[in-house]
Amino acid sequence: MIVQVPLPSDIRLHLKSRTLELVYADGTFELTAEFLRVHSPSAEVRGHGIGNGVLQTGKKHVGIKGVEPAGNYALKITFDDGHDSGLYTWEYLHDLAHNQADYWQRYLEQLKAAGASRNNGLIARG
C-alpha cells in the first residue's frame, strides 16, 4: 500500500518574520528560517553517510532569500547565509511541520551537549 503524503494547499514566505508558512488540510504550520536551515536535507548538514551529520551552529538570525519549486517533488530554499543545496521534498516538509517541536528540542539538546550556541557557534566558558 502506497501512502500519499499530503501536499500543502498554500505556501507563504514571510520575509520580515523569517518564516515559511505551510497550509495543510489538518492545519497551518510556520517553520522558522533557522529551523529549516539547521534541518537542511543537504549533504553539508546531514553528512555523506549515517552518523556523519554536521551540527549547525550560529544560525539564529539566518533568513530566507527565496523559495522555488524543484520539479513536482520538492522546494529549493535559498538562505541569506548562502546555503541553497538542500531540496526539501514534500514528504520531508510535511514531517518537519508535524514534528517541529520534537526536532527543535532534539536540536537544542545537541547544541547544549556540544557546548555550542544558536548565536555564534560557541558558548563562552568561564
PDB file of N, CA and C in Angstrom:
ATOM      1  N   MET A   1       0.841  -1.182   0.000  1.00  0.00           N
ATOM      2  CA  MET A   1       0.000   0.000   0.000  1.00  0.00           C
ATOM      3  C   MET A   1       0.884   1.243   0.000  1.00  0.00           C
ATOM      4  N   ILE A   2       0.651   2.145  -0.925  1.00  0.00           N
ATOM      5  CA  ILE A   2       1.415   3.386  -1.015  1.00  0.00           C
ATOM      6  C   ILE A   2       0.642   4.489  -0.308  1.00  0.00           C
ATOM      7  N   VAL A   3       1.319   5.153   0.623  1.00  0.00           N
ATOM      8  CA  VAL A   3       0.698   6.256   1.348  1.00  0.00           C
ATOM      9  C   VAL A   3       1.091   7.555   0.660  1.00  0.00           C
ATOM     10  N   GLN A   4       0.101   8.329   0.272  1.00  0.00           N
ATOM     11  CA  GLN A   4       0.333   9.608  -0.388  1.00  0.00           C
ATOM     12  C   GLN A   4       0.561  10.685   0.666  1.00  0.00           C
ATOM     13  N   VAL A   5       1.702  11.372   0.583  1.00  0.00           N
ATOM     14  CA  VAL A   5       1.990  12.465   1.511  1.00  0.00           C
ATOM     15  C   VAL A   5       1.173  13.678   1.084  1.00  0.00           C
ATOM     16  N   PRO A   6       0.442  14.268   2.029  1.00  0.00           N
ATOM     17  CA  PRO A   6      -0.355  15.445   1.670  1.00  0.00           C
ATOM     18  C   PRO A   6       0.540  16.602   1.224  1.00  0.00           C
ATOM     19  N   LEU A   7       0.106  17.269   0.167  1.00  0.00           N
ATOM     20  CA  LEU A   7       0.797  18.468  -0.286  1.00  0.00           C
ATOM     21  C   LEU A   7       0.181  19.685   0.385  1.00  0.00           C
ATOM     22  N   PRO A   8       0.987  20.699   0.650  1.00  0.00           N
ATOM     23  CA  PRO A   8       0.392  21.915   1.210  1.00  0.00           C
ATOM     24  C   PRO A   8      -0.520  22.563   0.178  1.00  0.00           C
ATOM     25  N   SER A   9      -1.634  23.104   0.645  1.00  0.00           N
ATOM     26  CA  SER A   9      -2.550  23.801  -0.262  1.00  0.00           C
ATOM     27  C   SER A   9      -2.086  25.233  -0.499  1.00  0.00           C
ATOM     28  N   ASP A  10      -1.203  25.720   0.367  1.00  0.00           N
ATOM     29  CA  ASP A  10      -0.656  27.058   0.204  1.00  0.00           C
ATOM     30  C   ASP A  10       0.715  27.121   0.871  1.00  0.00           C
ATOM     31  N   ILE A  11       1.596  27.920   0.294  1.00  0.00           N
ATOM     32  CA  ILE A  11       2.932  28.136   0.838  1.00  0.00           C
ATOM     33  C   ILE A  11       3.176  29.635   0.815  1.00  0.00           C
ATOM     34  N   ARG A  12       3.534  30.193   1.960  1.00  0.00           N
ATOM     35  CA  ARG A  12       3.775  31.638   2.030  1.00  0.00           C
ATOM     36  C   ARG A  12       5.118  31.892   2.702  1.00  0.00           C
ATOM     37  N   LEU A  13       5.926  32.705   2.060  1.00  0.00           N
ATOM     38  CA  LEU A  13       7.202  33.116   2.630  1.00  0.00           C
ATOM     39  C   LEU A  13       7.000  34.472   3.287  1.00  0.00           C
ATOM     40  N   HIS A  14       7.320  34.555   4.564  1.00  0.00           N
ATOM     41  CA  HIS A  14       7.208  35.800   5.317  1.00  0.00           C
ATOM     42  C   HIS A  14       8.628  36.294   5.595  1.00  0.00           C
ATOM     43  N   LEU A  15       9.087  37.230   4.786  1.00  0.00           N
ATOM     44  CA  LEU A  15      10.463  37.706   4.903  1.00  0.00           C
ATOM     45  C   LEU A  15      10.733  38.405   6.230  1.00  0.00           C
ATOM     46  N   LYS A  16       9.804  39.235   6.673  1.00  0.00           N
ATOM     47  CA  LYS A  16      10.025  40.013   7.892  1.00  0.00           C
ATOM     48  C   LYS A  16      10.162  39.121   9.126  1.00  0.00           C
ATOM     49  N   SER A  17       9.293  38.122   9.247  1.00  0.00           N
ATOM     50  CA  SER A  17       9.348  37.225  10.409  1.00  0.00           C
ATOM     51  C   SER A  17      10.266  36.031  10.159  1.00  0.00           C
ATOM     52  N   ARG A  18      10.821  35.950   8.942  1.00  0.00           N
ATOM     53  CA  ARG A  18      11.743  34.874   8.568  1.00  0.00           C
ATOM     54  C   ARG A  18      11.113  33.497   8.788  1.00  0.00           C
ATOM     55  N   THR A  19       9.895  33.332   8.267  1.00  0.00           N
ATOM     56  CA  THR A  19       9.199  32.054   8.395  1.00  0.00           C
ATOM     57  C   THR A  19       8.641  31.613   7.054  1.00  0.00           C
ATOM     58  N   LEU A  20       8.464  30.305   6.947  1.00  0.00           N
ATOM     59  CA  LEU A  20       7.798  29.699   5.801  1.00  0.00           C
ATOM     60  C   LEU A  20       6.516  29.081   6.342  1.00  0.00           C
ATOM     61  N   GLU A  21       5.398  29.529   5.821  1.00  0.00           N
ATOM     62  CA  GLU A  21       4.094  29.043   6.270  1.00  0.00           C
ATOM     63  C   GLU A  21       3.590  27.991   5.295  1.00  0.00           C
ATOM     64  N   LEU A  22       3.223  26.845   5.842  1.00  0.00           N
ATOM     65  CA  LEU A  22       2.688  25.738   5.048  1.00  0.00           C
ATOM     66  C   LEU A  22       1.271  25.461   5.525  1.00  0.00           C
ATOM     67  N   VAL A  23       0.330  25.459   4.594  1.00  0.00           N
ATOM     68  CA  VAL A  23      -1.069  25.215   4.931  1.00  0.00           C
ATOM     69  C   VAL A  23      -1.448  23.820   4.435  1.00  0.00           C
ATOM     70  N   TYR A  24      -1.827  22.968   5.382  1.00  0.00           N
ATOM     71  CA  TYR A  24      -2.284  21.612   5.078  1.00  0.00           C
ATOM     72  C   TYR A  24      -3.741  21.488   5.492  1.00  0.00           C
ATOM     73  N   ALA A  25      -4.390  20.431   5.074  1.00  0.00           N
ATOM     74  CA  ALA A  25      -5.789  20.209   5.439  1.00  0.00           C
ATOM     75  C   ALA A  25      -5.964  20.121   6.946  1.00  0.00           C
ATOM     76  N   ASP A  26      -4.927  19.635   7.648  1.00  0.00           N
ATOM     77  CA  ASP A  26      -5.044  19.467   9.103  1.00  0.00           C
ATOM     78  C   ASP A  26      -4.416  20.607   9.900  1.00  0.00           C
ATOM     79  N   GLY A  27      -4.047  21.698   9.248  1.00  0.00           N
ATOM     80  CA  GLY A  27      -3.546  22.839   9.994  1.00  0.00           C
ATOM     81  C   GLY A  27      -2.534  23.669   9.224  1.00  0.00           C
ATOM     82  N   THR A  28      -2.206  24.800   9.819  1.00  0.00           N
ATOM     83  CA  THR A  28      -1.228  25.723   9.269  1.00  0.00           C
ATOM     84  C   THR A  28       0.006  25.680  10.156  1.00  0.00           C
ATOM     85  N   PHE A  29       1.169  25.597   9.532  1.00  0.00           N
ATOM     86  CA  PHE A  29       2.426  25.443  10.263  1.00  0.00           C
ATOM     87  C   PHE A  29       3.397  26.523   9.812  1.00  0.00           C
ATOM     88  N   GLU A  30       4.043  27.181  10.774  1.00  0.00           N
ATOM     89  CA  GLU A  30       5.071  28.156  10.449  1.00  0.00           C
ATOM     90  C   GLU A  30       6.416  27.602  10.881  1.00  0.00           C
ATOM     91  N   LEU A  31       7.309  27.478   9.917  1.00  0.00           N
ATOM     92  CA  LEU A  31       8.647  26.969  10.177  1.00  0.00           C
ATOM     93  C   LEU A  31       9.616  28.136  10.049  1.00  0.00           C
ATOM     94  N   THR A  32      10.414  28.367  11.073  1.00  0.00           N
ATOM     95  CA  THR A  32      11.362  29.472  11.024  1.00  0.00           C
ATOM     96  C   THR A  32      12.505  29.145  10.075  1.00  0.00           C
ATOM     97  N   ALA A  33      13.132  30.191   9.576  1.00  0.00           N
ATOM     98  CA  ALA A  33      14.298  30.016   8.703  1.00  0.00           C
ATOM     99  C   ALA A  33      15.381  29.249   9.442  1.00  0.00           C
ATOM    100  N   GLU A  34      15.588  29.565  10.705  1.00  0.00           N
ATOM    101  CA  GLU A  34      16.609  28.868  11.488  1.00  0.00           C
ATOM    102  C   GLU A  34      16.306  27.374  11.570  1.00  0.00           C
ATOM    103  N   PHE A  35      15.062  27.024  11.863  1.00  0.00           N
ATOM    104  CA  PHE A  35      14.668  25.620  11.949  1.00  0.00           C
ATOM    105  C   PHE A  35      14.919  24.897  10.626  1.00  0.00           C
ATOM    106  N   LEU A  36      14.491  25.513   9.531  1.00  0.00           N
ATOM    107  CA  LEU A  36      14.693  24.901   8.220  1.00  0.00           C
ATOM    108  C   LEU A  36      16.176  24.792   7.883  1.00  0.00           C
ATOM    109  N   ARG A  37      16.943  25.807   8.237  1.00  0.00           N
ATOM    110  CA  ARG A  37      18.372  25.811   7.898  1.00  0.00           C
ATOM    111  C   ARG A  37      19.122  24.717   8.649  1.00  0.00           C
ATOM    112  N   VAL A  38      18.848  24.575   9.948  1.00  0.00           N
ATOM    113  CA  VAL A  38      19.586  23.572  10.726  1.00  0.00           C
ATOM    114  C   VAL A  38      19.110  22.156  10.437  1.00  0.00           C
ATOM    115  N   HIS A  39      17.946  22.028   9.806  1.00  0.00           N
ATOM    116  CA  HIS A  39      17.430  20.720   9.415  1.00  0.00           C
ATOM    117  C   HIS A  39      17.478  20.536   7.894  1.00  0.00           C
ATOM    118  N   SER A  40      18.384  21.246   7.251  1.00  0.00           N
ATOM    119  CA  SER A  40      18.524  21.135   5.802  1.00  0.00           C
ATOM    120  C   SER A  40      18.824  19.688   5.410  1.00  0.00           C
ATOM    121  N   PRO A  41      18.182  19.218   4.350  1.00  0.00           N
ATOM    122  CA  PRO A  41      18.454  17.853   3.888  1.00  0.00           C
ATOM    123  C   PRO A  41      19.731  17.749   3.048  1.00  0.00           C
ATOM    124  N   SER A  42      20.527  18.795   3.017  1.00  0.00           N
ATOM    125  CA  SER A  42      21.752  18.792   2.203  1.00  0.00           C
ATOM    126  C   SER A  42      22.825  17.879   2.795  1.00  0.00           C
ATOM    127  N   ALA A  43      23.752  17.473   1.962  1.00  0.00           N
ATOM    128  CA  ALA A  43      24.886  16.665   2.423  1.00  0.00           C
ATOM    129  C   ALA A  43      25.753  17.464   3.383  1.00  0.00           C
ATOM    130  N   GLU A  44      25.803  18.782   3.203  1.00  0.00           N
ATOM    131  CA  GLU A  44      26.582  19.642   4.107  1.00  0.00           C
ATOM    132  C   GLU A  44      26.102  19.507   5.549  1.00  0.00           C
ATOM    133  N   VAL A  45      24.802  19.359   5.725  1.00  0.00           N
ATOM    134  CA  VAL A  45      24.219  19.263   7.070  1.00  0.00           C
ATOM    135  C   VAL A  45      24.084  17.806   7.510  1.00  0.00           C
ATOM    136  N   ARG A  46      23.517  16.977   6.661  1.00  0.00           N
ATOM    137  CA  ARG A  46      23.274  15.572   7.007  1.00  0.00           C
ATOM    138  C   ARG A  46      24.520  14.710   6.935  1.00  0.00           C
ATOM    139  N   GLY A  47      25.520  15.159   6.195  1.00  0.00           N
ATOM    140  CA  GLY A  47      26.719  14.357   6.006  1.00  0.00           C
ATOM    141  C   GLY A  47      26.558  13.448   4.800  1.00  0.00           C
ATOM    142  N   HIS A  48      27.620  12.735   4.498  1.00  0.00           N
ATOM    143  CA  HIS A  48      27.611  11.856   3.322  1.00  0.00           C
ATOM    144  C   HIS A  48      27.380  10.401   3.698  1.00  0.00           C
ATOM    145  N   GLY A  49      26.996  10.171   4.934  1.00  0.00           N
ATOM    146  CA  GLY A  49      26.714   8.819   5.389  1.00  0.00           C
ATOM    147  C   GLY A  49      26.048   8.875   6.754  1.00  0.00           C
ATOM    148  N   ILE A  50      25.565   7.756   7.215  1.00  0.00           N
ATOM    149  CA  ILE A  50      24.891   7.693   8.506  1.00  0.00           C
ATOM    150  C   ILE A  50      25.865   8.096   9.607  1.00  0.00           C
ATOM    151  N   GLY A  51      25.421   9.007  10.460  1.00  0.00           N
ATOM    152  CA  GLY A  51      26.245   9.448  11.577  1.00  0.00           C
ATOM    153  C   GLY A  51      27.290  10.490  11.218  1.00  0.00           C
ATOM    154  N   ASN A  52      27.271  10.984   9.979  1.00  0.00           N
ATOM    155  CA  ASN A  52      28.251  11.972   9.554  1.00  0.00           C
ATOM    156  C   ASN A  52      27.686  13.385   9.484  1.00  0.00           C
ATOM    157  N   GLY A  53      26.524  13.612  10.072  1.00  0.00           N
ATOM    158  CA  GLY A  53      25.903  14.934  10.048  1.00  0.00           C
ATOM    159  C   GLY A  53      26.755  15.966  10.774  1.00  0.00           C
ATOM    160  N   VAL A  54      26.570  17.222  10.389  1.00  0.00           N
ATOM    161  CA  VAL A  54      27.315  18.320  10.987  1.00  0.00           C
ATOM    162  C   VAL A  54      26.332  19.221  11.725  1.00  0.00           C
ATOM    163  N   LEU A  55      26.520  19.369  13.036  1.00  0.00           N
ATOM    164  CA  LEU A  55      25.661  20.222  13.850  1.00  0.00           C
ATOM    165  C   LEU A  55      25.796  21.662  13.365  1.00  0.00           C
ATOM    166  N   GLN A  56      24.689  22.265  13.035  1.00  0.00           N
ATOM    167  CA  GLN A  56      24.678  23.641  12.551  1.00  0.00           C
ATOM    168  C   GLN A  56      24.568  24.588  13.739  1.00  0.00           C
ATOM    169  N   THR A  57      25.491  25.517  13.829  1.00  0.00           N
ATOM    170  CA  THR A  57      25.500  26.469  14.938  1.00  0.00           C
ATOM    171  C   THR A  57      25.485  27.890  14.385  1.00  0.00           C
ATOM    172  N   GLY A  58      25.114  28.829  15.249  1.00  0.00           N
ATOM    173  CA  GLY A  58      25.141  30.229  14.868  1.00  0.00           C
ATOM    174  C   GLY A  58      24.141  30.612  13.793  1.00  0.00           C
ATOM    175  N   LYS A  59      23.011  29.938  13.734  1.00  0.00           N
ATOM    176  CA  LYS A  59      22.035  30.191  12.658  1.00  0.00           C
ATOM    177  C   LYS A  59      20.790  30.938  13.147  1.00  0.00           C
ATOM    178  N   LYS A  60      20.833  31.481  14.365  1.00  0.00           N
ATOM    179  CA  LYS A  60      19.660  32.128  14.946  1.00  0.00           C
ATOM    180  C   LYS A  60      19.089  33.246  14.076  1.00  0.00           C
ATOM    181  N   HIS A  61      19.954  33.988  13.413  1.00  0.00           N
ATOM    182  CA  HIS A  61      19.498  35.157  12.663  1.00  0.00           C
ATOM    183  C   HIS A  61      19.463  34.949  11.154  1.00  0.00           C
ATOM    184  N   VAL A  62      19.550  33.697  10.710  1.00  0.00           N
ATOM    185  CA  VAL A  62      19.511  33.423   9.273  1.00  0.00           C
ATOM    186  C   VAL A  62      18.111  33.729   8.729  1.00  0.00           C
ATOM    187  N   GLY A  63      18.075  34.160   7.486  1.00  0.00           N
ATOM    188  CA  GLY A  63      16.803  34.432   6.829  1.00  0.00           C
ATOM    189  C   GLY A  63      16.685  33.625   5.552  1.00  0.00           C
ATOM    190  N   ILE A  64      15.520  33.690   4.950  1.00  0.00           N
ATOM    191  CA  ILE A  64      15.267  33.012   3.684  1.00  0.00           C
ATOM    192  C   ILE A  64      15.227  34.069   2.587  1.00  0.00           C
ATOM    193  N   LYS A  65      16.044  33.883   1.563  1.00  0.00           N
ATOM    194  CA  LYS A  65      16.057  34.812   0.432  1.00  0.00           C
ATOM    195  C   LYS A  65      15.020  34.443  -0.612  1.00  0.00           C
ATOM    196  N   GLY A  66      14.784  33.144  -0.761  1.00  0.00           N
ATOM    197  CA  GLY A  66      13.820  32.730  -1.767  1.00  0.00           C
ATOM    198  C   GLY A  66      13.449  31.270  -1.660  1.00  0.00           C
ATOM    199  N   VAL A  67      12.324  30.937  -2.289  1.00  0.00           N
ATOM    200  CA  VAL A  67      11.808  29.573  -2.326  1.00  0.00           C
ATOM    201  C   VAL A  67      11.334  29.328  -3.756  1.00  0.00           C
ATOM    202  N   GLU A  68      11.742  28.190  -4.312  1.00  0.00           N
ATOM    203  CA  GLU A  68      11.293  27.857  -5.659  1.00  0.00           C
ATOM    204  C   GLU A  68      11.044  26.367  -5.766  1.00  0.00           C
ATOM    205  N   PRO A  69      10.108  25.970  -6.624  1.00  0.00           N
ATOM    206  CA  PRO A  69       9.841  24.539  -6.796  1.00  0.00           C
ATOM    207  C   PRO A  69      11.026  23.833  -7.447  1.00  0.00           C
ATOM    208  N   ALA A  70      11.224  22.601  -7.049  1.00  0.00           N
ATOM    209  CA  ALA A  70      12.224  21.727  -7.677  1.00  0.00           C
ATOM    210  C   ALA A  70      11.436  20.566  -8.271  1.00  0.00           C
ATOM    211  N   GLY A  71      11.076  20.698  -9.506  1.00  0.00           N
ATOM    212  CA  GLY A  71      10.212  19.703 -10.130  1.00  0.00           C
ATOM    213  C   GLY A  71       8.860  19.693  -9.438  1.00  0.00           C
ATOM    214  N   ASN A  72       8.255  18.528  -9.367  1.00  0.00           N
ATOM    215  CA  ASN A  72       6.961  18.379  -8.691  1.00  0.00           C
ATOM    216  C   ASN A  72       7.106  17.733  -7.325  1.00  0.00           C
ATOM    217  N   TYR A  73       8.334  17.602  -6.835  1.00  0.00           N
ATOM    218  CA  TYR A  73       8.536  16.811  -5.629  1.00  0.00           C
ATOM    219  C   TYR A  73       9.182  17.550  -4.459  1.00  0.00           C
ATOM    220  N   ALA A  74       9.605  18.803  -4.656  1.00  0.00           N
ATOM    221  CA  ALA A  74      10.358  19.454  -3.582  1.00  0.00           C
ATOM    222  C   ALA A  74      10.378  20.965  -3.741  1.00  0.00           C
ATOM    223  N   LEU A  75      10.883  21.615  -2.684  1.00  0.00           N
ATOM    224  CA  LEU A  75      11.177  23.043  -2.712  1.00  0.00           C
ATOM    225  C   LEU A  75      12.673  23.236  -2.532  1.00  0.00           C
ATOM    226  N   LYS A  76      13.199  24.203  -3.230  1.00  0.00           N
ATOM    227  CA  LYS A  76      14.580  24.625  -3.024  1.00  0.00           C
ATOM    228  C   LYS A  76      14.512  25.934  -2.255  1.00  0.00           C
ATOM    229  N   ILE A  77      15.142  25.959  -1.097  1.00  0.00           N
ATOM    230  CA  ILE A  77      15.135  27.150  -0.255  1.00  0.00           C
ATOM    231  C   ILE A  77      16.530  27.763  -0.280  1.00  0.00           C
ATOM    232  N   THR A  78      16.589  29.047  -0.558  1.00  0.00           N
ATOM    233  CA  THR A  78      17.855  29.768  -0.547  1.00  0.00           C
ATOM    234  C   THR A  78      17.893  30.635   0.696  1.00  0.00           C
ATOM    235  N   PHE A  79      18.928  30.437   1.498  1.00  0.00           N
ATOM    236  CA  PHE A  79      19.085  31.176   2.753  1.00  0.00           C
ATOM    237  C   PHE A  79      20.056  32.336   2.562  1.00  0.00           C
ATOM    238  N   ASP A  80      19.942  33.349   3.414  1.00  0.00           N
ATOM    239  CA  ASP A  80      20.796  34.526   3.246  1.00  0.00           C
ATOM    240  C   ASP A  80      22.236  34.314   3.726  1.00  0.00           C
ATOM    241  N   ASP A  81      22.547  33.124   4.251  1.00  0.00           N
ATOM    242  CA  ASP A  81      23.942  32.814   4.578  1.00  0.00           C
ATOM    243  C   ASP A  81      24.624  32.097   3.404  1.00  0.00           C
ATOM    244  N   GLY A  82      23.916  32.021   2.262  1.00  0.00           N
ATOM    245  CA  GLY A  82      24.478  31.412   1.062  1.00  0.00           C
ATOM    246  C   GLY A  82      24.116  29.948   0.865  1.00  0.00           C
ATOM    247  N   HIS A  83      23.534  29.312   1.873  1.00  0.00           N
ATOM    248  CA  HIS A  83      23.183  27.890   1.767  1.00  0.00           C
ATOM    249  C   HIS A  83      21.970  27.732   0.851  1.00  0.00           C
ATOM    250  N   ASP A  84      22.085  26.832  -0.132  1.00  0.00           N
ATOM    251  CA  ASP A  84      20.957  26.591  -1.037  1.00  0.00           C
ATOM    252  C   ASP A  84      20.997  25.204  -1.659  1.00  0.00           C
ATOM    253  N   SER A  85      21.705  24.278  -1.032  1.00  0.00           N
ATOM    254  CA  SER A  85      21.916  22.986  -1.683  1.00  0.00           C
ATOM    255  C   SER A  85      20.959  21.873  -1.247  1.00  0.00           C
ATOM    256  N   GLY A  86      20.095  22.111  -0.307  1.00  0.00           N
ATOM    257  CA  GLY A  86      19.171  21.067   0.114  1.00  0.00           C
ATOM    258  C   GLY A  86      17.832  21.172  -0.588  1.00  0.00           C
ATOM    259  N   LEU A  87      17.312  20.039  -1.042  1.00  0.00           N
ATOM    260  CA  LEU A  87      15.973  20.008  -1.614  1.00  0.00           C
ATOM    261  C   LEU A  87      15.018  19.433  -0.576  1.00  0.00           C
ATOM    262  N   TYR A  88      14.038  20.227  -0.204  1.00  0.00           N
ATOM    263  CA  TYR A  88      13.063  19.843   0.813  1.00  0.00           C
ATOM    264  C   TYR A  88      11.887  19.174   0.110  1.00  0.00           C
ATOM    265  N   THR A  89      11.853  17.842   0.142  1.00  0.00           N
ATOM    266  CA  THR A  89      10.761  17.119  -0.516  1.00  0.00           C
ATOM    267  C   THR A  89       9.457  17.395   0.225  1.00  0.00           C
ATOM    268  N   TRP A  90       8.349  17.153  -0.460  1.00  0.00           N
ATOM    269  CA  TRP A  90       7.043  17.349   0.181  1.00  0.00           C
ATOM    270  C   TRP A  90       6.928  16.466   1.417  1.00  0.00           C
ATOM    271  N   GLU A  91       7.447  15.254   1.319  1.00  0.00           N
ATOM    272  CA  GLU A  91       7.409  14.335   2.461  1.00  0.00           C
ATOM    273  C   GLU A  91       8.210  14.900   3.634  1.00  0.00           C
ATOM    274  N   TYR A  92       9.406  15.416   3.358  1.00  0.00           N
ATOM    275  CA  TYR A  92      10.260  15.961   4.417  1.00  0.00           C
ATOM    276  C   TYR A  92       9.640  17.216   5.036  1.00  0.00           C
ATOM    277  N   LEU A  93       9.085  18.103   4.215  1.00  0.00           N
ATOM    278  CA  LEU A  93       8.434  19.309   4.758  1.00  0.00           C
ATOM    279  C   LEU A  93       7.240  18.950   5.634  1.00  0.00           C
ATOM    280  N   HIS A  94       6.466  17.966   5.200  1.00  0.00           N
ATOM    281  CA  HIS A  94       5.318  17.517   5.996  1.00  0.00           C
ATOM    282  C   HIS A  94       5.802  16.977   7.341  1.00  0.00           C
ATOM    283  N   ASP A  95       6.863  16.192   7.314  1.00  0.00           N
ATOM    284  CA  ASP A  95       7.437  15.641   8.543  1.00  0.00           C
ATOM    285  C   ASP A  95       7.952  16.759   9.449  1.00  0.00           C
ATOM    286  N   LEU A  96       8.691  17.710   8.896  1.00  0.00           N
ATOM    287  CA  LEU A  96       9.203  18.830   9.698  1.00  0.00           C
ATOM    288  C   LEU A  96       8.060  19.621  10.329  1.00  0.00           C
ATOM    289  N   ALA A  97       7.034  19.896   9.544  1.00  0.00           N
ATOM    290  CA  ALA A  97       5.904  20.678  10.048  1.00  0.00           C
ATOM    291  C   ALA A  97       5.197  19.966  11.194  1.00  0.00           C
ATOM    292  N   HIS A  98       4.969  18.675  11.030  1.00  0.00           N
ATOM    293  CA  HIS A  98       4.187  17.935  12.016  1.00  0.00           C
ATOM    294  C   HIS A  98       4.990  17.457  13.224  1.00  0.00           C
ATOM    295  N   ASN A  99       6.296  17.505  13.143  1.00  0.00           N
ATOM    296  CA  ASN A  99       7.139  17.057  14.257  1.00  0.00           C
ATOM    297  C   ASN A  99       8.117  18.140  14.707  1.00  0.00           C
ATOM    298  N   GLN A 100       7.773  19.371  14.413  1.00  0.00           N
ATOM    299  CA  GLN A 100       8.657  20.501  14.680  1.00  0.00           C
ATOM    300  C   GLN A 100       9.114  20.581  16.134  1.00  0.00           C
ATOM    301  N   ALA A 101       8.205  20.436  17.068  1.00  0.00           N
ATOM    302  CA  ALA A 101       8.558  20.571  18.489  1.00  0.00           C
ATOM    303  C   ALA A 101       9.596  19.533  18.905  1.00  0.00           C
ATOM    304  N   ASP A 102       9.420  18.294  18.491  1.00  0.00           N
ATOM    305  CA  ASP A 102      10.370  17.234  18.844  1.00  0.00           C
ATOM    306  C   ASP A 102      11.736  17.472  18.206  1.00  0.00           C
ATOM    307  N   TYR A 103      11.731  17.827  16.923  1.00  0.00           N
ATOM    308  CA  TYR A 103      13.000  18.074  16.232  1.00  0.00           C
ATOM    309  C   TYR A 103      13.728  19.269  16.836  1.00  0.00           C
ATOM    310  N   TRP A 104      12.989  20.311  17.191  1.00  0.00           N
ATOM    311  CA  TRP A 104      13.612  21.506  17.764  1.00  0.00           C
ATOM    312  C   TRP A 104      14.225  21.184  19.128  1.00  0.00           C
ATOM    313  N   GLN A 105      13.499  20.447  19.948  1.00  0.00           N
ATOM    314  CA  GLN A 105      14.018  20.081  21.263  1.00  0.00           C
ATOM    315  C   GLN A 105      15.288  19.243  21.131  1.00  0.00           C
ATOM    316  N   ARG A 106      15.288  18.309  20.211  1.00  0.00           N
ATOM    317  CA  ARG A 106      16.463  17.469  19.976  1.00  0.00           C
ATOM    318  C   ARG A 106      17.658  18.327  19.525  1.00  0.00           C
ATOM    319  N   TYR A 107      17.396  19.302  18.662  1.00  0.00           N
ATOM    320  CA  TYR A 107      18.453  20.204  18.196  1.00  0.00           C
ATOM    321  C   TYR A 107      19.039  21.006  19.359  1.00  0.00           C
ATOM    322  N   LEU A 108      18.166  21.550  20.213  1.00  0.00           N
ATOM    323  CA  LEU A 108      18.648  22.326  21.362  1.00  0.00           C
ATOM    324  C   LEU A 108      19.482  21.459  22.303  1.00  0.00           C
ATOM    325  N   GLU A 109      19.087  20.205  22.472  1.00  0.00           N
ATOM    326  CA  GLU A 109      19.862  19.283  23.316  1.00  0.00           C
ATOM    327  C   GLU A 109      21.226  18.986  22.695  1.00  0.00           C
ATOM    328  N   GLN A 110      21.269  18.848  21.372  1.00  0.00           N
ATOM    329  CA  GLN A 110      22.546  18.615  20.686  1.00  0.00           C
ATOM    330  C   GLN A 110      23.468  19.823  20.827  1.00  0.00           C
ATOM    331  N   LEU A 111      22.910  21.020  20.710  1.00  0.00           N
ATOM    332  CA  LEU A 111      23.711  22.237  20.908  1.00  0.00           C
ATOM    333  C   LEU A 111      24.308  22.270  22.304  1.00  0.00           C
ATOM    334  N   LYS A 112      23.470  21.986  23.292  1.00  0.00           N
ATOM    335  CA  LYS A 112      23.924  22.016  24.681  1.00  0.00           C
ATOM    336  C   LYS A 112      25.032  20.997  24.909  1.00  0.00           C
ATOM    337  N   ALA A 113      24.835  19.790  24.421  1.00  0.00           N
ATOM    338  CA  ALA A 113      25.831  18.728  24.600  1.00  0.00           C
ATOM    339  C   ALA A 113      27.159  19.084  23.933  1.00  0.00           C
ATOM    340  N   ALA A 114      27.098  19.856  22.844  1.00  0.00           N
ATOM    341  CA  ALA A 114      28.309  20.239  22.117  1.00  0.00           C
ATOM    342  C   ALA A 114      28.927  21.529  22.660  1.00  0.00           C
ATOM    343  N   GLY A 115      28.259  22.155  23.634  1.00  0.00           N
ATOM    344  CA  GLY A 115      28.746  23.435  24.143  1.00  0.00           C
ATOM    345  C   GLY A 115      28.660  24.512  23.080  1.00  0.00           C
ATOM    346  N   ALA A 116      27.662  24.404  22.214  1.00  0.00           N
ATOM    347  CA  ALA A 116      27.512  25.324  21.091  1.00  0.00           C
ATOM    348  C   ALA A 116      26.304  26.233  21.300  1.00  0.00           C
ATOM    349  N   SER A 117      26.156  27.189  20.405  1.00  0.00           N
ATOM    350  CA  SER A 117      25.121  28.199  20.552  1.00  0.00           C
ATOM    351  C   SER A 117      24.384  28.441  19.243  1.00  0.00           C
ATOM    352  N   ARG A 118      23.156  28.902  19.363  1.00  0.00           N
ATOM    353  CA  ARG A 118      22.382  29.318  18.204  1.00  0.00           C
ATOM    354  C   ARG A 118      22.907  30.645  17.670  1.00  0.00           C
ATOM    355  N   ASN A 119      23.593  31.411  18.513  1.00  0.00           N
ATOM    356  CA  ASN A 119      24.062  32.743  18.116  1.00  0.00           C
ATOM    357  C   ASN A 119      25.327  32.724  17.305  1.00  0.00           C
ATOM    358  N   ASN A 120      26.434  32.354  17.927  1.00  0.00           N
ATOM    359  CA  ASN A 120      27.706  32.471  17.231  1.00  0.00           C
ATOM    360  C   ASN A 120      28.498  31.180  17.184  1.00  0.00           C
ATOM    361  N   GLY A 121      27.911  30.105  17.582  1.00  0.00           N
ATOM    362  CA  GLY A 121      28.603  28.831  17.465  1.00  0.00           C
ATOM    363  C   GLY A 121      29.086  28.237  18.762  1.00  0.00           C
ATOM    364  N   LEU A 122      29.706  29.041  19.605  1.00  0.00           N
ATOM    365  CA  LEU A 122      30.261  28.503  20.842  1.00  0.00           C
ATOM    366  C   LEU A 122      29.775  29.292  22.038  1.00  0.00           C
ATOM    367  N   ILE A 123      29.603  28.595  23.145  1.00  0.00           N
ATOM    368  CA  ILE A 123      29.235  29.236  24.396  1.00  0.00           C
ATOM    369  C   ILE A 123      30.523  29.548  25.141  1.00  0.00           C
ATOM    370  N   ALA A 124      30.660  30.789  25.591  1.00  0.00           N
ATOM    371  CA  ALA A 124      31.854  31.159  26.350  1.00  0.00           C
ATOM    372  C   ALA A 124      31.871  30.407  27.680  1.00  0.00           C
ATOM    373  N   ARG A 125      32.991  29.838  27.979  1.00  0.00           N
ATOM    374  CA  ARG A 125      33.151  29.097  29.241  1.00  0.00           C
ATOM    375  C   ARG A 125      34.057  29.903  30.144  1.00  0.00           C
ATOM    376  N   GLY A 126      33.624  30.028  31.379  1.00  0.00           N
ATOM    377  CA  GLY A 126      34.317  30.962  32.174  1.00  0.00           C
ATOM    378  C   GLY A 126      35.128  30.527  33.266  1.00  0.00           C
TER     379      GLY A 126
END
